[in-house]
Amino acid sequence: MQAIVTKLTSASGGETILVVEDTAATAQITRILLESWGYSALEAHTPSDALNLFDAHAGEIHLVLTDVTMPRMSGIELAHELRRRDPAVRIMFMSGDHDHESAGPDEFFLAKPFNPAGLSQMVRKALDCAPVRKRINAR
């Protein structure tokens, strides 16, 4: 399925969020909610589409909101690859499987099904969190 890209300028900062969800209806509803709150949204239905969008919008993506369970590559595997490409990227997982709630200090978890208020609060919390940056040894 083709990735959907929607750009929107916002008075609230206009952060860009990449939504990665293999269920098209869930991805679309999430994207529409995010846009209604003033965020720019990138929508991908496969991890490979997400990687392509991430590369095409290098440095523009503030948060990746990814489903944990997807075909061919899990959201956790996707997060590892995204972190390899950009160690400072913020990650928020979403899943109906609550065993995945143990996200790291720079990762967030949203249980499915979620309501708009829960999504809004968790996205804002993730965006307001200072990104973790790897130290680069100058030697």
N, C-alpha and C. Protein backbone atom coordinates (compact mmCIF):
# COMPACT_ATOMS: atom_id res chain seq x y z
N MET A 1 0.84 -1.17 0.00
CA MET A 1 0.00 0.00 0.00
C MET A 1 0.89 1.24 0.00
N GLN A 2 0.47 2.24 -0.70
CA GLN A 2 1.24 3.47 -0.84
C GLN A 2 1.18 4.32 0.42
N ALA A 3 2.28 4.95 0.76
CA ALA A 3 2.34 5.84 1.91
C ALA A 3 1.56 7.11 1.59
N ILE A 4 0.96 7.67 2.64
CA ILE A 4 0.19 8.90 2.50
C ILE A 4 0.92 10.00 3.25
N VAL A 5 1.14 11.11 2.57
CA VAL A 5 1.85 12.23 3.18
C VAL A 5 0.92 13.44 3.20
N THR A 6 0.74 14.00 4.37
CA THR A 6 -0.05 15.21 4.52
C THR A 6 0.75 16.20 5.34
N LYS A 7 1.00 17.37 4.80
CA LYS A 7 1.74 18.41 5.51
C LYS A 7 0.76 19.50 5.91
N LEU A 8 0.96 20.02 7.10
CA LEU A 8 0.06 21.03 7.63
C LEU A 8 0.86 21.97 8.50
N THR A 9 0.68 23.24 8.34
CA THR A 9 1.35 24.20 9.20
C THR A 9 0.46 24.47 10.40
N SER A 10 1.08 24.59 11.57
CA SER A 10 0.30 24.76 12.78
C SER A 10 0.81 25.91 13.62
N ALA A 11 -0.11 26.55 14.30
CA ALA A 11 0.27 27.60 15.24
C ALA A 11 0.84 27.00 16.51
N SER A 12 0.61 25.70 16.74
CA SER A 12 1.08 25.07 17.97
C SER A 12 2.45 24.43 17.81
N GLY A 13 3.18 24.78 16.80
CA GLY A 13 4.52 24.26 16.64
C GLY A 13 4.69 23.45 15.37
N GLY A 14 3.62 22.84 14.89
CA GLY A 14 3.65 22.12 13.63
C GLY A 14 4.58 20.92 13.60
N GLU A 15 4.75 20.24 14.74
CA GLU A 15 5.63 19.07 14.74
C GLU A 15 5.12 18.02 13.75
N THR A 16 6.05 17.25 13.23
CA THR A 16 5.72 16.20 12.27
C THR A 16 5.77 14.85 12.95
N ILE A 17 4.71 14.07 12.75
CA ILE A 17 4.60 12.75 13.35
C ILE A 17 4.42 11.73 12.24
N LEU A 18 5.23 10.69 12.28
CA LEU A 18 5.12 9.57 11.34
C LEU A 18 4.30 8.48 12.01
N VAL A 19 3.13 8.18 11.45
CA VAL A 19 2.25 7.13 11.96
C VAL A 19 2.49 5.88 11.13
N VAL A 20 2.85 4.78 11.81
CA VAL A 20 3.11 3.51 11.12
C VAL A 20 2.12 2.49 11.67
N GLU A 21 1.17 2.10 10.83
CA GLU A 21 0.08 1.22 11.24
C GLU A 21 -0.39 0.42 10.04
N ASP A 22 -0.38 -0.91 10.17
CA ASP A 22 -0.75 -1.74 9.03
C ASP A 22 -2.25 -1.82 8.81
N THR A 23 -3.07 -1.42 9.76
CA THR A 23 -4.51 -1.35 9.57
C THR A 23 -4.83 0.05 9.06
N ALA A 24 -5.20 0.12 7.79
CA ALA A 24 -5.37 1.41 7.12
C ALA A 24 -6.36 2.32 7.85
N ALA A 25 -7.48 1.78 8.31
CA ALA A 25 -8.49 2.62 8.98
C ALA A 25 -7.93 3.23 10.26
N THR A 26 -7.19 2.45 11.04
CA THR A 26 -6.59 2.97 12.27
C THR A 26 -5.56 4.05 11.95
N ALA A 27 -4.75 3.81 10.92
CA ALA A 27 -3.75 4.80 10.51
C ALA A 27 -4.42 6.09 10.07
N GLN A 28 -5.47 5.97 9.29
CA GLN A 28 -6.15 7.15 8.78
C GLN A 28 -6.82 7.95 9.90
N ILE A 29 -7.51 7.27 10.79
CA ILE A 29 -8.15 7.97 11.91
C ILE A 29 -7.11 8.67 12.78
N THR A 30 -6.01 7.98 13.04
CA THR A 30 -4.94 8.58 13.86
C THR A 30 -4.37 9.81 13.17
N ARG A 31 -4.11 9.69 11.87
CA ARG A 31 -3.57 10.83 11.11
C ARG A 31 -4.54 12.00 11.13
N ILE A 32 -5.82 11.73 10.92
CA ILE A 32 -6.82 12.80 10.91
C ILE A 32 -6.91 13.49 12.27
N LEU A 33 -6.88 12.72 13.34
CA LEU A 33 -6.88 13.31 14.68
C LEU A 33 -5.66 14.21 14.88
N LEU A 34 -4.49 13.71 14.52
CA LEU A 34 -3.26 14.49 14.68
C LEU A 34 -3.32 15.79 13.89
N GLU A 35 -3.81 15.71 12.67
CA GLU A 35 -3.93 16.91 11.84
C GLU A 35 -4.94 17.90 12.43
N SER A 36 -6.01 17.38 13.01
CA SER A 36 -7.02 18.27 13.59
C SER A 36 -6.46 19.04 14.79
N TRP A 37 -5.40 18.52 15.39
CA TRP A 37 -4.75 19.20 16.52
C TRP A 37 -3.58 20.06 16.07
N GLY A 38 -3.34 20.17 14.77
CA GLY A 38 -2.32 21.07 14.26
C GLY A 38 -0.97 20.44 13.95
N TYR A 39 -0.87 19.13 14.03
CA TYR A 39 0.38 18.46 13.69
C TYR A 39 0.44 18.19 12.20
N SER A 40 1.65 18.05 11.66
CA SER A 40 1.84 17.51 10.32
C SER A 40 1.91 16.00 10.47
N ALA A 41 1.34 15.27 9.54
CA ALA A 41 1.28 13.82 9.67
C ALA A 41 1.79 13.13 8.42
N LEU A 42 2.58 12.11 8.64
CA LEU A 42 3.03 11.21 7.58
C LEU A 42 2.46 9.84 7.94
N GLU A 43 1.84 9.18 6.99
CA GLU A 43 1.18 7.91 7.25
C GLU A 43 1.81 6.81 6.42
N ALA A 44 2.22 5.73 7.08
CA ALA A 44 2.78 4.57 6.39
C ALA A 44 2.06 3.32 6.88
N HIS A 45 1.81 2.39 5.95
CA HIS A 45 1.10 1.16 6.32
C HIS A 45 2.02 -0.04 6.42
N THR A 46 3.28 0.14 6.09
CA THR A 46 4.27 -0.93 6.23
C THR A 46 5.55 -0.33 6.80
N PRO A 47 6.34 -1.15 7.48
CA PRO A 47 7.64 -0.65 7.95
C PRO A 47 8.54 -0.16 6.82
N SER A 48 8.50 -0.83 5.66
CA SER A 48 9.36 -0.37 4.56
C SER A 48 8.92 1.00 4.05
N ASP A 49 7.61 1.25 3.98
CA ASP A 49 7.14 2.60 3.63
C ASP A 49 7.59 3.61 4.68
N ALA A 50 7.55 3.21 5.95
CA ALA A 50 7.97 4.10 7.04
C ALA A 50 9.45 4.47 6.90
N LEU A 51 10.29 3.49 6.59
CA LEU A 51 11.72 3.76 6.42
C LEU A 51 11.95 4.71 5.25
N ASN A 52 11.22 4.51 4.16
CA ASN A 52 11.35 5.40 2.99
C ASN A 52 10.93 6.83 3.34
N LEU A 53 9.81 6.97 4.06
CA LEU A 53 9.36 8.30 4.47
C LEU A 53 10.34 8.94 5.44
N PHE A 54 10.85 8.15 6.37
CA PHE A 54 11.81 8.66 7.35
C PHE A 54 13.05 9.21 6.64
N ASP A 55 13.54 8.47 5.65
CA ASP A 55 14.71 8.93 4.88
C ASP A 55 14.38 10.15 4.03
N ALA A 56 13.20 10.16 3.42
CA ALA A 56 12.80 11.27 2.56
C ALA A 56 12.58 12.56 3.35
N HIS A 57 12.25 12.42 4.62
CA HIS A 57 11.97 13.59 5.48
C HIS A 57 13.00 13.65 6.62
N ALA A 58 14.23 13.31 6.30
CA ALA A 58 15.29 13.29 7.31
C ALA A 58 15.37 14.62 8.05
N GLY A 59 15.37 14.53 9.37
CA GLY A 59 15.48 15.71 10.21
C GLY A 59 14.17 16.46 10.43
N GLU A 60 13.10 16.07 9.74
CA GLU A 60 11.81 16.74 9.86
C GLU A 60 10.86 16.03 10.81
N ILE A 61 11.10 14.76 11.08
CA ILE A 61 10.17 13.96 11.88
C ILE A 61 10.51 14.09 13.36
N HIS A 62 9.54 14.53 14.14
CA HIS A 62 9.73 14.74 15.57
C HIS A 62 9.36 13.52 16.41
N LEU A 63 8.44 12.70 15.89
CA LEU A 63 7.95 11.54 16.63
C LEU A 63 7.51 10.47 15.66
N VAL A 64 7.83 9.21 15.99
CA VAL A 64 7.32 8.07 15.23
C VAL A 64 6.35 7.33 16.14
N LEU A 65 5.11 7.22 15.69
CA LEU A 65 4.07 6.48 16.41
C LEU A 65 3.84 5.20 15.64
N THR A 66 4.29 4.07 16.19
CA THR A 66 4.25 2.82 15.45
C THR A 66 3.53 1.71 16.19
N ASP A 67 2.78 0.94 15.43
CA ASP A 67 2.18 -0.27 15.96
C ASP A 67 3.31 -1.24 16.28
N VAL A 68 3.12 -2.07 17.27
CA VAL A 68 4.15 -3.05 17.64
C VAL A 68 4.09 -4.26 16.72
N THR A 69 2.89 -4.75 16.45
CA THR A 69 2.74 -5.99 15.68
C THR A 69 2.36 -5.68 14.24
N MET A 70 3.31 -5.95 13.33
CA MET A 70 3.08 -5.75 11.90
C MET A 70 3.75 -6.89 11.14
N PRO A 71 3.28 -7.19 9.93
CA PRO A 71 3.92 -8.24 9.13
C PRO A 71 5.34 -7.85 8.69
N ARG A 72 6.18 -8.81 8.55
CA ARG A 72 7.55 -8.71 8.02
C ARG A 72 8.54 -8.00 8.94
N MET A 73 8.11 -7.02 9.71
CA MET A 73 9.00 -6.32 10.64
C MET A 73 8.13 -5.75 11.76
N SER A 74 8.51 -6.03 12.99
CA SER A 74 7.74 -5.51 14.11
C SER A 74 8.04 -4.03 14.32
N GLY A 75 7.19 -3.37 15.08
CA GLY A 75 7.44 -1.98 15.42
C GLY A 75 8.72 -1.82 16.23
N ILE A 76 9.04 -2.82 17.04
CA ILE A 76 10.28 -2.77 17.82
C ILE A 76 11.49 -2.85 16.90
N GLU A 77 11.44 -3.75 15.92
CA GLU A 77 12.53 -3.84 14.94
C GLU A 77 12.64 -2.55 14.14
N LEU A 78 11.49 -1.99 13.77
CA LEU A 78 11.48 -0.72 13.05
C LEU A 78 12.13 0.38 13.89
N ALA A 79 11.78 0.44 15.17
CA ALA A 79 12.36 1.44 16.06
C ALA A 79 13.88 1.31 16.14
N HIS A 80 14.37 0.07 16.20
CA HIS A 80 15.83 -0.14 16.23
C HIS A 80 16.48 0.39 14.96
N GLU A 81 15.85 0.14 13.82
CA GLU A 81 16.41 0.63 12.56
C GLU A 81 16.34 2.16 12.48
N LEU A 82 15.25 2.73 12.93
CA LEU A 82 15.13 4.19 12.92
C LEU A 82 16.17 4.82 13.85
N ARG A 83 16.41 4.20 15.00
CA ARG A 83 17.41 4.70 15.94
C ARG A 83 18.82 4.57 15.37
N ARG A 84 19.04 3.56 14.55
CA ARG A 84 20.34 3.42 13.90
C ARG A 84 20.55 4.60 12.95
N ARG A 85 19.49 5.01 12.29
CA ARG A 85 19.57 6.12 11.35
C ARG A 85 19.60 7.49 12.05
N ASP A 86 18.88 7.59 13.16
CA ASP A 86 18.84 8.84 13.93
C ASP A 86 18.66 8.49 15.40
N PRO A 87 19.75 8.48 16.17
CA PRO A 87 19.68 8.08 17.58
C PRO A 87 18.76 8.96 18.43
N ALA A 88 18.43 10.15 17.97
CA ALA A 88 17.62 11.07 18.77
C ALA A 88 16.12 10.97 18.47
N VAL A 89 15.72 10.11 17.55
CA VAL A 89 14.31 10.05 17.19
C VAL A 89 13.46 9.59 18.38
N ARG A 90 12.34 10.26 18.58
CA ARG A 90 11.40 9.87 19.64
C ARG A 90 10.49 8.78 19.09
N ILE A 91 10.22 7.77 19.91
CA ILE A 91 9.40 6.64 19.50
C ILE A 91 8.23 6.50 20.46
N MET A 92 7.05 6.26 19.91
CA MET A 92 5.89 5.92 20.72
C MET A 92 5.26 4.67 20.11
N PHE A 93 5.17 3.61 20.91
CA PHE A 93 4.58 2.36 20.46
C PHE A 93 3.09 2.37 20.79
N MET A 94 2.32 1.67 19.95
CA MET A 94 0.92 1.43 20.26
C MET A 94 0.63 -0.04 19.98
N SER A 95 -0.18 -0.62 20.86
CA SER A 95 -0.49 -2.04 20.70
C SER A 95 -1.68 -2.42 21.57
N GLY A 96 -2.40 -3.42 21.11
CA GLY A 96 -3.46 -4.01 21.92
C GLY A 96 -2.91 -5.05 22.86
N ASP A 97 -1.65 -5.43 22.67
CA ASP A 97 -0.97 -6.39 23.53
C ASP A 97 -0.24 -5.61 24.62
N HIS A 98 -0.76 -5.63 25.80
CA HIS A 98 -0.24 -4.79 26.88
C HIS A 98 1.07 -5.30 27.47
N ASP A 99 1.61 -6.42 26.95
CA ASP A 99 2.92 -6.89 27.38
C ASP A 99 4.03 -5.96 26.91
N HIS A 100 3.73 -5.10 25.96
CA HIS A 100 4.74 -4.20 25.39
C HIS A 100 4.81 -2.87 26.11
N GLU A 101 4.13 -2.73 27.22
CA GLU A 101 4.07 -1.45 27.92
C GLU A 101 5.40 -1.02 28.53
N SER A 102 6.39 -1.90 28.57
CA SER A 102 7.66 -1.56 29.21
C SER A 102 8.60 -0.88 28.22
N ALA A 103 8.18 0.29 27.76
CA ALA A 103 9.02 1.07 26.86
C ALA A 103 10.16 1.70 27.65
N GLY A 104 11.24 1.99 26.97
CA GLY A 104 12.40 2.59 27.61
C GLY A 104 12.13 4.03 28.01
N PRO A 105 13.11 4.69 28.64
CA PRO A 105 12.91 6.05 29.14
C PRO A 105 12.65 7.07 28.04
N ASP A 106 13.11 6.80 26.83
CA ASP A 106 12.88 7.73 25.73
C ASP A 106 11.87 7.16 24.73
N GLU A 107 11.07 6.19 25.19
CA GLU A 107 10.01 5.61 24.37
C GLU A 107 8.72 5.65 25.17
N PHE A 108 7.61 5.72 24.47
CA PHE A 108 6.30 5.82 25.10
C PHE A 108 5.40 4.72 24.57
N PHE A 109 4.37 4.36 25.34
CA PHE A 109 3.46 3.30 24.95
C PHE A 109 2.02 3.78 25.07
N LEU A 110 1.23 3.51 24.04
CA LEU A 110 -0.18 3.84 24.01
C LEU A 110 -0.96 2.55 23.79
N ALA A 111 -1.80 2.19 24.75
CA ALA A 111 -2.58 0.96 24.66
C ALA A 111 -3.74 1.15 23.69
N LYS A 112 -3.97 0.15 22.84
CA LYS A 112 -5.13 0.12 21.95
C LYS A 112 -6.21 -0.71 22.64
N PRO A 113 -7.45 -0.39 22.45
CA PRO A 113 -7.92 0.80 21.73
C PRO A 113 -7.69 2.05 22.58
N PHE A 114 -7.40 3.15 21.90
CA PHE A 114 -7.18 4.40 22.63
C PHE A 114 -8.27 5.39 22.23
N ASN A 115 -8.47 6.38 23.09
CA ASN A 115 -9.42 7.43 22.76
C ASN A 115 -8.64 8.68 22.35
N PRO A 116 -9.30 9.63 21.72
CA PRO A 116 -8.59 10.83 21.26
C PRO A 116 -7.85 11.56 22.38
N ALA A 117 -8.46 11.67 23.55
CA ALA A 117 -7.80 12.38 24.66
C ALA A 117 -6.51 11.67 25.07
N GLY A 118 -6.54 10.35 25.15
CA GLY A 118 -5.34 9.59 25.51
C GLY A 118 -4.25 9.74 24.47
N LEU A 119 -4.63 9.71 23.20
CA LEU A 119 -3.67 9.91 22.11
C LEU A 119 -3.06 11.30 22.21
N SER A 120 -3.89 12.31 22.36
CA SER A 120 -3.42 13.69 22.43
C SER A 120 -2.43 13.89 23.59
N GLN A 121 -2.79 13.39 24.75
CA GLN A 121 -1.93 13.56 25.93
C GLN A 121 -0.60 12.85 25.77
N MET A 122 -0.62 11.62 25.26
CA MET A 122 0.62 10.85 25.13
C MET A 122 1.53 11.45 24.05
N VAL A 123 0.94 11.90 22.95
CA VAL A 123 1.74 12.53 21.88
C VAL A 123 2.41 13.79 22.42
N ARG A 124 1.66 14.62 23.13
CA ARG A 124 2.24 15.85 23.66
C ARG A 124 3.35 15.53 24.65
N LYS A 125 3.13 14.52 25.51
CA LYS A 125 4.15 14.12 26.48
C LYS A 125 5.42 13.67 25.77
N ALA A 126 5.26 12.87 24.73
CA ALA A 126 6.42 12.38 23.98
C ALA A 126 7.15 13.52 23.28
N LEU A 127 6.41 14.46 22.71
CA LEU A 127 7.04 15.57 22.01
C LEU A 127 7.73 16.54 22.96
N ASP A 128 7.19 16.69 24.16
CA ASP A 128 7.78 17.60 25.12
C ASP A 128 8.99 17.01 25.84
N CYS A 129 9.17 15.71 25.73
CA CYS A 129 10.31 15.03 26.35
C CYS A 129 11.57 15.34 25.53
N ALA A 130 12.63 15.73 26.21
CA ALA A 130 13.89 16.01 25.50
C ALA A 130 14.41 14.72 24.87
N PRO A 131 14.78 14.76 23.59
CA PRO A 131 15.28 13.54 22.95
C PRO A 131 16.62 13.11 23.55
N VAL A 132 16.80 11.81 23.63
CA VAL A 132 18.07 11.26 24.12
C VAL A 132 19.06 11.26 22.96
N ARG A 133 20.22 11.80 23.18
CA ARG A 133 21.24 11.84 22.14
C ARG A 133 22.43 11.02 22.57
N LYS A 134 22.95 10.22 21.63
CA LYS A 134 24.15 9.45 21.92
C LYS A 134 25.35 10.36 21.95
N ARG A 135 26.23 10.10 22.89
CA ARG A 135 27.48 10.86 22.93
C ARG A 135 28.39 10.37 21.82
N ILE A 136 29.01 11.30 21.15
CA ILE A 136 29.97 10.95 20.10
C ILE A 136 31.35 11.25 20.63
N ASN A 137 32.17 10.23 20.63
CA ASN A 137 33.55 10.39 21.12
C ASN A 137 34.36 11.10 20.03
N ALA A 138 34.98 12.20 20.37
CA ALA A 138 35.71 13.03 19.39
C ALA A 138 37.13 12.53 19.14
N ARG A 139 37.52 11.41 19.69
CA ARG A 139 38.88 10.92 19.48
C ARG A 139 39.12 10.43 18.10
